[in-house]
PDB file of N, CA and C in Angstrom:
ATOM      1  N   MET A   1       0.839  -1.164   0.000  1.00  0.00           N
ATOM      2  CA  MET A   1       0.000   0.000   0.000  1.00  0.00           C
ATOM      3  C   MET A   1       0.896   1.244   0.000  1.00  0.00           C
ATOM      4  N   ALA A   2       0.569   2.172  -0.817  1.00  0.00           N
ATOM      5  CA  ALA A   2       1.351   3.397  -0.945  1.00  0.00           C
ATOM      6  C   ALA A   2       1.150   4.285   0.281  1.00  0.00           C
ATOM      7  N   SER A   3       2.211   4.976   0.643  1.00  0.00           N
ATOM      8  CA  SER A   3       2.143   5.901   1.765  1.00  0.00           C
ATOM      9  C   SER A   3       1.318   7.131   1.367  1.00  0.00           C
ATOM     10  N   PRO A   4       0.412   7.579   2.265  1.00  0.00           N
ATOM     11  CA  PRO A   4      -0.385   8.764   1.939  1.00  0.00           C
ATOM     12  C   PRO A   4       0.426  10.064   1.976  1.00  0.00           C
ATOM     13  N   THR A   5       1.546  10.062   2.702  1.00  0.00           N
ATOM     14  CA  THR A   5       2.422  11.228   2.766  1.00  0.00           C
ATOM     15  C   THR A   5       3.838  10.795   2.415  1.00  0.00           C
ATOM     16  N   PRO A   6       4.662  11.695   1.880  1.00  0.00           N
ATOM     17  CA  PRO A   6       6.035  11.334   1.537  1.00  0.00           C
ATOM     18  C   PRO A   6       6.830  10.869   2.762  1.00  0.00           C
ATOM     19  N   LEU A   7       7.495   9.745   2.607  1.00  0.00           N
ATOM     20  CA  LEU A   7       8.316   9.203   3.683  1.00  0.00           C
ATOM     21  C   LEU A   7       9.668   9.905   3.719  1.00  0.00           C
ATOM     22  N   ASN A   8      10.333   9.836   4.862  1.00  0.00           N
ATOM     23  CA  ASN A   8      11.664  10.420   5.046  1.00  0.00           C
ATOM     24  C   ASN A   8      12.516   9.457   5.860  1.00  0.00           C
ATOM     25  N   GLY A   9      13.812   9.709   5.867  1.00  0.00           N
ATOM     26  CA  GLY A   9      14.735   8.971   6.719  1.00  0.00           C
ATOM     27  C   GLY A   9      14.737   7.475   6.465  1.00  0.00           C
ATOM     28  N   THR A  10      14.840   6.706   7.552  1.00  0.00           N
ATOM     29  CA  THR A  10      14.945   5.251   7.427  1.00  0.00           C
ATOM     30  C   THR A  10      13.693   4.636   6.821  1.00  0.00           C
ATOM     31  N   GLU A  11      12.537   5.228   7.075  1.00  0.00           N
ATOM     32  CA  GLU A  11      11.304   4.702   6.479  1.00  0.00           C
ATOM     33  C   GLU A  11      11.358   4.816   4.950  1.00  0.00           C
ATOM     34  N   LEU A  12      11.886   5.912   4.462  1.00  0.00           N
ATOM     35  CA  LEU A  12      12.023   6.112   3.020  1.00  0.00           C
ATOM     36  C   LEU A  12      12.985   5.090   2.437  1.00  0.00           C
ATOM     37  N   VAL A  13      14.127   4.895   3.069  1.00  0.00           N
ATOM     38  CA  VAL A  13      15.122   3.937   2.575  1.00  0.00           C
ATOM     39  C   VAL A  13      14.542   2.529   2.584  1.00  0.00           C
ATOM     40  N   ASP A  14      13.855   2.149   3.650  1.00  0.00           N
ATOM     41  CA  ASP A  14      13.255   0.818   3.735  1.00  0.00           C
ATOM     42  C   ASP A  14      12.217   0.604   2.640  1.00  0.00           C
ATOM     43  N   CYS A  15      11.360   1.587   2.430  1.00  0.00           N
ATOM     44  CA  CYS A  15      10.320   1.491   1.409  1.00  0.00           C
ATOM     45  C   CYS A  15      10.940   1.446   0.016  1.00  0.00           C
ATOM     46  N   ALA A  16      11.922   2.286  -0.232  1.00  0.00           N
ATOM     47  CA  ALA A  16      12.584   2.317  -1.538  1.00  0.00           C
ATOM     48  C   ALA A  16      13.276   0.983  -1.815  1.00  0.00           C
ATOM     49  N   ARG A  17      13.916   0.424  -0.804  1.00  0.00           N
ATOM     50  CA  ARG A  17      14.593  -0.863  -0.963  1.00  0.00           C
ATOM     51  C   ARG A  17      13.588  -1.961  -1.272  1.00  0.00           C
ATOM     52  N   ALA A  18      12.465  -1.944  -0.582  1.00  0.00           N
ATOM     53  CA  ALA A  18      11.444  -2.964  -0.801  1.00  0.00           C
ATOM     54  C   ALA A  18      10.852  -2.904  -2.209  1.00  0.00           C
ATOM     55  N   ASN A  19      10.870  -1.731  -2.816  1.00  0.00           N
ATOM     56  CA  ASN A  19      10.270  -1.554  -4.139  1.00  0.00           C
ATOM     57  C   ASN A  19      11.279  -1.318  -5.252  1.00  0.00           C
ATOM     58  N   ALA A  20      12.559  -1.400  -4.949  1.00  0.00           N
ATOM     59  CA  ALA A  20      13.609  -1.066  -5.913  1.00  0.00           C
ATOM     60  C   ALA A  20      13.556  -1.938  -7.166  1.00  0.00           C
ATOM     61  N   GLN A  21      13.220  -3.198  -7.020  1.00  0.00           N
ATOM     62  CA  GLN A  21      13.226  -4.091  -8.176  1.00  0.00           C
ATOM     63  C   GLN A  21      12.113  -3.764  -9.167  1.00  0.00           C
ATOM     64  N   GLN A  22      11.077  -3.066  -8.728  1.00  0.00           N
ATOM     65  CA  GLN A  22       9.985  -2.698  -9.614  1.00  0.00           C
ATOM     66  C   GLN A  22      10.261  -1.403 -10.381  1.00  0.00           C
ATOM     67  N   GLY A  23      11.341  -0.709 -10.035  1.00  0.00           N
ATOM     68  CA  GLY A  23      11.710   0.507 -10.745  1.00  0.00           C
ATOM     69  C   GLY A  23      11.419   1.768  -9.950  1.00  0.00           C
ATOM     70  N   ILE A  24      11.975   2.880 -10.434  1.00  0.00           N
ATOM     71  CA  ILE A  24      11.903   4.141  -9.700  1.00  0.00           C
ATOM     72  C   ILE A  24      10.477   4.700  -9.647  1.00  0.00           C
ATOM     73  N   GLU A  25       9.706   4.512 -10.711  1.00  0.00           N
ATOM     74  CA  GLU A  25       8.336   5.040 -10.711  1.00  0.00           C
ATOM     75  C   GLU A  25       7.502   4.388  -9.617  1.00  0.00           C
ATOM     76  N   THR A  26       7.591   3.066  -9.519  1.00  0.00           N
ATOM     77  CA  THR A  26       6.843   2.331  -8.497  1.00  0.00           C
ATOM     78  C   THR A  26       7.347   2.682  -7.109  1.00  0.00           C
ATOM     79  N   ALA A  27       8.665   2.743  -6.940  1.00  0.00           N
ATOM     80  CA  ALA A  27       9.235   3.067  -5.632  1.00  0.00           C
ATOM     81  C   ALA A  27       8.798   4.458  -5.179  1.00  0.00           C
ATOM     82  N   ALA A  28       8.847   5.420  -6.081  1.00  0.00           N
ATOM     83  CA  ALA A  28       8.438   6.784  -5.738  1.00  0.00           C
ATOM     84  C   ALA A  28       6.970   6.817  -5.333  1.00  0.00           C
ATOM     85  N   TYR A  29       6.128   6.134  -6.079  1.00  0.00           N
ATOM     86  CA  TYR A  29       4.696   6.101  -5.776  1.00  0.00           C
ATOM     87  C   TYR A  29       4.448   5.449  -4.414  1.00  0.00           C
ATOM     88  N   GLN A  30       5.063   4.299  -4.171  1.00  0.00           N
ATOM     89  CA  GLN A  30       4.857   3.570  -2.918  1.00  0.00           C
ATOM     90  C   GLN A  30       5.390   4.357  -1.716  1.00  0.00           C
ATOM     91  N   CYS A  31       6.402   5.165  -1.922  1.00  0.00           N
ATOM     92  CA  CYS A  31       6.992   5.951  -0.834  1.00  0.00           C
ATOM     93  C   CYS A  31       6.284   7.287  -0.622  1.00  0.00           C
ATOM     94  N   GLY A  32       5.215   7.535  -1.383  1.00  0.00           N
ATOM     95  CA  GLY A  32       4.409   8.728  -1.177  1.00  0.00           C
ATOM     96  C   GLY A  32       4.784   9.932  -2.015  1.00  0.00           C
ATOM     97  N   TYR A  33       5.617   9.749  -3.033  1.00  0.00           N
ATOM     98  CA  TYR A  33       6.057  10.872  -3.857  1.00  0.00           C
ATOM     99  C   TYR A  33       5.320  10.960  -5.187  1.00  0.00           C
ATOM    100  N   GLY A  34       4.409  10.042  -5.440  1.00  0.00           N
ATOM    101  CA  GLY A  34       3.627  10.076  -6.674  1.00  0.00           C
ATOM    102  C   GLY A  34       4.496  10.103  -7.912  1.00  0.00           C
ATOM    103  N   GLN A  35       4.302  11.095  -8.769  1.00  0.00           N
ATOM    104  CA  GLN A  35       5.053  11.234 -10.016  1.00  0.00           C
ATOM    105  C   GLN A  35       6.296  12.122  -9.887  1.00  0.00           C
ATOM    106  N   ASP A  36       6.543  12.667  -8.707  1.00  0.00           N
ATOM    107  CA  ASP A  36       7.664  13.593  -8.498  1.00  0.00           C
ATOM    108  C   ASP A  36       8.963  12.813  -8.270  1.00  0.00           C
ATOM    109  N   LEU A  37       9.518  12.299  -9.363  1.00  0.00           N
ATOM    110  CA  LEU A  37      10.721  11.463  -9.286  1.00  0.00           C
ATOM    111  C   LEU A  37      11.941  12.244  -8.812  1.00  0.00           C
ATOM    112  N   ASN A  38      12.032  13.518  -9.183  1.00  0.00           N
ATOM    113  CA  ASN A  38      13.180  14.323  -8.776  1.00  0.00           C
ATOM    114  C   ASN A  38      13.216  14.512  -7.265  1.00  0.00           C
ATOM    115  N   LYS A  39      12.070  14.843  -6.689  1.00  0.00           N
ATOM    116  CA  LYS A  39      12.019  15.030  -5.234  1.00  0.00           C
ATOM    117  C   LYS A  39      12.287  13.709  -4.528  1.00  0.00           C
ATOM    118  N   PHE A  40      11.727  12.616  -5.045  1.00  0.00           N
ATOM    119  CA  PHE A  40      11.967  11.299  -4.470  1.00  0.00           C
ATOM    120  C   PHE A  40      13.458  10.979  -4.466  1.00  0.00           C
ATOM    121  N   ALA A  41      14.107  11.166  -5.605  1.00  0.00           N
ATOM    122  CA  ALA A  41      15.538  10.872  -5.719  1.00  0.00           C
ATOM    123  C   ALA A  41      16.356  11.737  -4.771  1.00  0.00           C
ATOM    124  N   LYS A  42      16.010  13.021  -4.683  1.00  0.00           N
ATOM    125  CA  LYS A  42      16.740  13.939  -3.810  1.00  0.00           C
ATOM    126  C   LYS A  42      16.599  13.519  -2.346  1.00  0.00           C
ATOM    127  N   GLU A  43      15.369  13.244  -1.921  1.00  0.00           N
ATOM    128  CA  GLU A  43      15.128  12.841  -0.542  1.00  0.00           C
ATOM    129  C   GLU A  43      15.776  11.499  -0.229  1.00  0.00           C
ATOM    130  N   LEU A  44      15.748  10.576  -1.182  1.00  0.00           N
ATOM    131  CA  LEU A  44      16.370   9.268  -0.976  1.00  0.00           C
ATOM    132  C   LEU A  44      17.882   9.404  -0.845  1.00  0.00           C
ATOM    133  N   ARG A  45      18.488  10.237  -1.687  1.00  0.00           N
ATOM    134  CA  ARG A  45      19.939  10.467  -1.574  1.00  0.00           C
ATOM    135  C   ARG A  45      20.293  11.035  -0.206  1.00  0.00           C
ATOM    136  N   GLN A  46      19.501  12.016   0.258  1.00  0.00           N
ATOM    137  CA  GLN A  46      19.756  12.637   1.558  1.00  0.00           C
ATOM    138  C   GLN A  46      19.589  11.623   2.687  1.00  0.00           C
ATOM    139  N   ALA A  47      18.547  10.804   2.606  1.00  0.00           N
ATOM    140  CA  ALA A  47      18.313   9.786   3.650  1.00  0.00           C
ATOM    141  C   ALA A  47      19.454   8.779   3.676  1.00  0.00           C
ATOM    142  N   CYS A  48      19.941   8.385   2.501  1.00  0.00           N
ATOM    143  CA  CYS A  48      21.062   7.444   2.435  1.00  0.00           C
ATOM    144  C   CYS A  48      22.331   8.071   3.012  1.00  0.00           C
ATOM    145  N   GLU A  49      22.590   9.332   2.698  1.00  0.00           N
ATOM    146  CA  GLU A  49      23.751  10.024   3.250  1.00  0.00           C
ATOM    147  C   GLU A  49      23.667  10.100   4.769  1.00  0.00           C
ATOM    148  N   ASP A  50      22.475  10.405   5.285  1.00  0.00           N
ATOM    149  CA  ASP A  50      22.280  10.489   6.738  1.00  0.00           C
ATOM    150  C   ASP A  50      22.537   9.152   7.413  1.00  0.00           C
ATOM    151  N   MET A  51      22.315   8.062   6.691  1.00  0.00           N
ATOM    152  CA  MET A  51      22.530   6.725   7.235  1.00  0.00           C
ATOM    153  C   MET A  51      23.923   6.189   6.884  1.00  0.00           C
ATOM    154  N   ASN A  52      24.745   7.013   6.259  1.00  0.00           N
ATOM    155  CA  ASN A  52      26.088   6.631   5.817  1.00  0.00           C
ATOM    156  C   ASN A  52      26.069   5.470   4.826  1.00  0.00           C
ATOM    157  N   LEU A  53      25.071   5.454   3.957  1.00  0.00           N
ATOM    158  CA  LEU A  53      24.997   4.444   2.907  1.00  0.00           C
ATOM    159  C   LEU A  53      25.581   5.037   1.630  1.00  0.00           C
ATOM    160  N   GLN A  54      26.441   4.300   0.983  1.00  0.00           N
ATOM    161  CA  GLN A  54      27.049   4.739  -0.265  1.00  0.00           C
ATOM    162  C   GLN A  54      26.225   4.203  -1.429  1.00  0.00           C
ATOM    163  N   VAL A  55      25.136   4.891  -1.768  1.00  0.00           N
ATOM    164  CA  VAL A  55      24.237   4.455  -2.829  1.00  0.00           C
ATOM    165  C   VAL A  55      24.138   5.561  -3.869  1.00  0.00           C
ATOM    166  N   LYS A  56      24.436   5.218  -5.116  1.00  0.00           N
ATOM    167  CA  LYS A  56      24.386   6.218  -6.177  1.00  0.00           C
ATOM    168  C   LYS A  56      23.082   6.156  -6.963  1.00  0.00           C
ATOM    169  N   GLU A  57      22.415   5.008  -6.952  1.00  0.00           N
ATOM    170  CA  GLU A  57      21.146   4.871  -7.649  1.00  0.00           C
ATOM    171  C   GLU A  57      20.270   3.854  -6.920  1.00  0.00           C
ATOM    172  N   LEU A  58      19.012   3.816  -7.282  1.00  0.00           N
ATOM    173  CA  LEU A  58      18.034   2.980  -6.599  1.00  0.00           C
ATOM    174  C   LEU A  58      18.438   1.514  -6.577  1.00  0.00           C
ATOM    175  N   SER A  59      18.989   1.019  -7.644  1.00  0.00           N
ATOM    176  CA  SER A  59      19.368  -0.393  -7.707  1.00  0.00           C
ATOM    177  C   SER A  59      20.470  -0.741  -6.701  1.00  0.00           C
ATOM    178  N   GLY A  60      21.180   0.266  -6.209  1.00  0.00           N
ATOM    179  CA  GLY A  60      22.205   0.036  -5.190  1.00  0.00           C
ATOM    180  C   GLY A  60      21.628  -0.397  -3.854  1.00  0.00           C
ATOM    181  N   LEU A  61      20.331  -0.213  -3.673  1.00  0.00           N
ATOM    182  CA  LEU A  61      19.686  -0.641  -2.432  1.00  0.00           C
ATOM    183  C   LEU A  61      19.342  -2.126  -2.438  1.00  0.00           C
ATOM    184  N   ILE A  62      19.386  -2.745  -3.619  1.00  0.00           N
ATOM    185  CA  ILE A  62      19.079  -4.172  -3.719  1.00  0.00           C
ATOM    186  C   ILE A  62      20.279  -4.960  -3.223  1.00  0.00           C
ATOM    187  N   THR A  63      20.085  -5.747  -2.191  1.00  0.00           N
ATOM    188  CA  THR A  63      21.176  -6.508  -1.592  1.00  0.00           C
ATOM    189  C   THR A  63      21.295  -7.884  -2.236  1.00  0.00           C
ATOM    190  N   ASP A  64      22.401  -8.569  -1.950  1.00  0.00           N
ATOM    191  CA  ASP A  64      22.597  -9.928  -2.443  1.00  0.00           C
ATOM    192  C   ASP A  64      21.497 -10.846  -1.918  1.00  0.00           C
ATOM    193  N   GLN A  65      21.093 -10.620  -0.676  1.00  0.00           N
ATOM    194  CA  GLN A  65      20.039 -11.437  -0.079  1.00  0.00           C
ATOM    195  C   GLN A  65      18.725 -11.267  -0.846  1.00  0.00           C
ATOM    196  N   ASP A  66      18.420 -10.048  -1.258  1.00  0.00           N
ATOM    197  CA  ASP A  66      17.221  -9.804  -2.057  1.00  0.00           C
ATOM    198  C   ASP A  66      17.288 -10.578  -3.373  1.00  0.00           C
ATOM    199  N   MET A  67      18.457 -10.590  -3.988  1.00  0.00           N
ATOM    200  CA  MET A  67      18.628 -11.287  -5.258  1.00  0.00           C
ATOM    201  C   MET A  67      18.444 -12.793  -5.082  1.00  0.00           C
ATOM    202  N   ILE A  68      18.977 -13.345  -4.006  1.00  0.00           N
ATOM    203  CA  ILE A  68      18.838 -14.777  -3.748  1.00  0.00           C
ATOM    204  C   ILE A  68      17.374 -15.133  -3.536  1.00  0.00           C
ATOM    205  N   LEU A  69      16.658 -14.312  -2.764  1.00  0.00           N
ATOM    206  CA  LEU A  69      15.242 -14.566  -2.526  1.00  0.00           C
ATOM    207  C   LEU A  69      14.438 -14.487  -3.816  1.00  0.00           C
ATOM    208  N   GLN A  70      14.814 -13.583  -4.705  1.00  0.00           N
ATOM    209  CA  GLN A  70      14.110 -13.425  -5.968  1.00  0.00           C
ATOM    210  C   GLN A  70      14.339 -14.639  -6.865  1.00  0.00           C
ATOM    211  N   LEU A  71      15.543 -15.159  -6.862  1.00  0.00           N
ATOM    212  CA  LEU A  71      15.855 -16.285  -7.730  1.00  0.00           C
ATOM    213  C   LEU A  71      15.006 -17.500  -7.383  1.00  0.00           C
ATOM    214  N   GLY A  72      14.974 -17.827  -6.081  1.00  0.00           N
ATOM    215  CA  GLY A  72      14.172 -18.949  -5.639  1.00  0.00           C
ATOM    216  C   GLY A  72      14.508 -20.244  -6.348  1.00  0.00           C
ATOM    217  N   THR A  73      15.761 -20.429  -6.701  1.00  0.00           N
ATOM    218  CA  THR A  73      16.146 -21.617  -7.453  1.00  0.00           C
ATOM    219  C   THR A  73      16.727 -22.687  -6.555  1.00  0.00           C
ATOM    220  N   GLY A  74      16.197 -22.806  -5.374  1.00  0.00           N
ATOM    221  CA  GLY A  74      16.652 -23.857  -4.478  1.00  0.00           C
ATOM    222  C   GLY A  74      15.825 -25.108  -4.650  1.00  0.00           C
ATOM    223  N   GLU A  75      16.308 -26.184  -4.080  1.00  0.00           N
ATOM    224  CA  GLU A  75      15.589 -27.441  -4.132  1.00  0.00           C
ATOM    225  C   GLU A  75      15.149 -27.780  -2.719  1.00  0.00           C
ATOM    226  N   ILE A  76      13.891 -28.132  -2.557  1.00  0.00           N
ATOM    227  CA  ILE A  76      13.376 -28.473  -1.239  1.00  0.00           C
ATOM    228  C   ILE A  76      13.729 -29.924  -0.942  1.00  0.00           C
ATOM    229  N   VAL A  77      14.414 -30.115   0.177  1.00  0.00           N
ATOM    230  CA  VAL A  77      14.800 -31.449   0.598  1.00  0.00           C
ATOM    231  C   VAL A  77      14.007 -31.772   1.858  1.00  0.00           C
ATOM    232  N   ALA A  78      13.121 -32.751   1.748  1.00  0.00           N
ATOM    233  CA  ALA A  78      12.271 -33.123   2.874  1.00  0.00           C
ATOM    234  C   ALA A  78      11.880 -34.601   2.716  1.00  0.00           C
ATOM    235  N   PRO A  79      11.570 -35.270   3.828  1.00  0.00           N
ATOM    236  CA  PRO A  79      11.138 -36.661   3.732  1.00  0.00           C
ATOM    237  C   PRO A  79       9.755 -36.758   3.065  1.00  0.00           C
ATOM    238  N   ASP A  80       9.479 -37.914   2.473  1.00  0.00           N
ATOM    239  CA  ASP A  80       8.196 -38.118   1.812  1.00  0.00           C
ATOM    240  C   ASP A  80       7.051 -38.198   2.808  1.00  0.00           C
ATOM    241  N   THR A  81       7.313 -38.757   3.973  1.00  0.00           N
ATOM    242  CA  THR A  81       6.295 -38.866   5.019  1.00  0.00           C
ATOM    243  C   THR A  81       6.893 -38.450   6.352  1.00  0.00           C
ATOM    244  N   GLU A  82       6.030 -38.266   7.358  1.00  0.00           N
ATOM    245  CA  GLU A  82       6.519 -37.868   8.681  1.00  0.00           C
ATOM    246  C   GLU A  82       7.367 -38.940   9.340  1.00  0.00           C
ATOM    247  N   SER A  83       7.095 -40.208   9.039  1.00  0.00           N
ATOM    248  CA  SER A  83       7.834 -41.302   9.666  1.00  0.00           C
ATOM    249  C   SER A  83       9.127 -41.633   8.928  1.00  0.00           C
ATOM    250  N   GLU A  84       9.300 -41.104   7.762  1.00  0.00           N
ATOM    251  CA  GLU A  84      10.487 -41.403   6.957  1.00  0.00           C
ATOM    252  C   GLU A  84      11.472 -40.245   7.059  1.00  0.00           C
ATOM    253  N   LEU A  85      12.418 -40.332   7.975  1.00  0.00           N
ATOM    254  CA  LEU A  85      13.402 -39.264   8.151  1.00  0.00           C
ATOM    255  C   LEU A  85      14.696 -39.672   7.596  1.00  0.00           C
TER     256      LEU A  85
END
């Protein structure tokens, strides 16, 4: 659900990170900035600087862990029945 008001600080960074894979338009909208991509980018840069994060663009917020979760190319290893361990 999109924020009704523009987010700032850690909330902005968290929201932007959660939506980074969908692109800047979606991230800006979800973070409460609507179509104002310039203001979103400016506020996100400032929030990242305040948190000492070295991020030059939105995709820099996507972590390796996010990429692994997205891939989902693991194999589930489990017994066929509860009694068969």
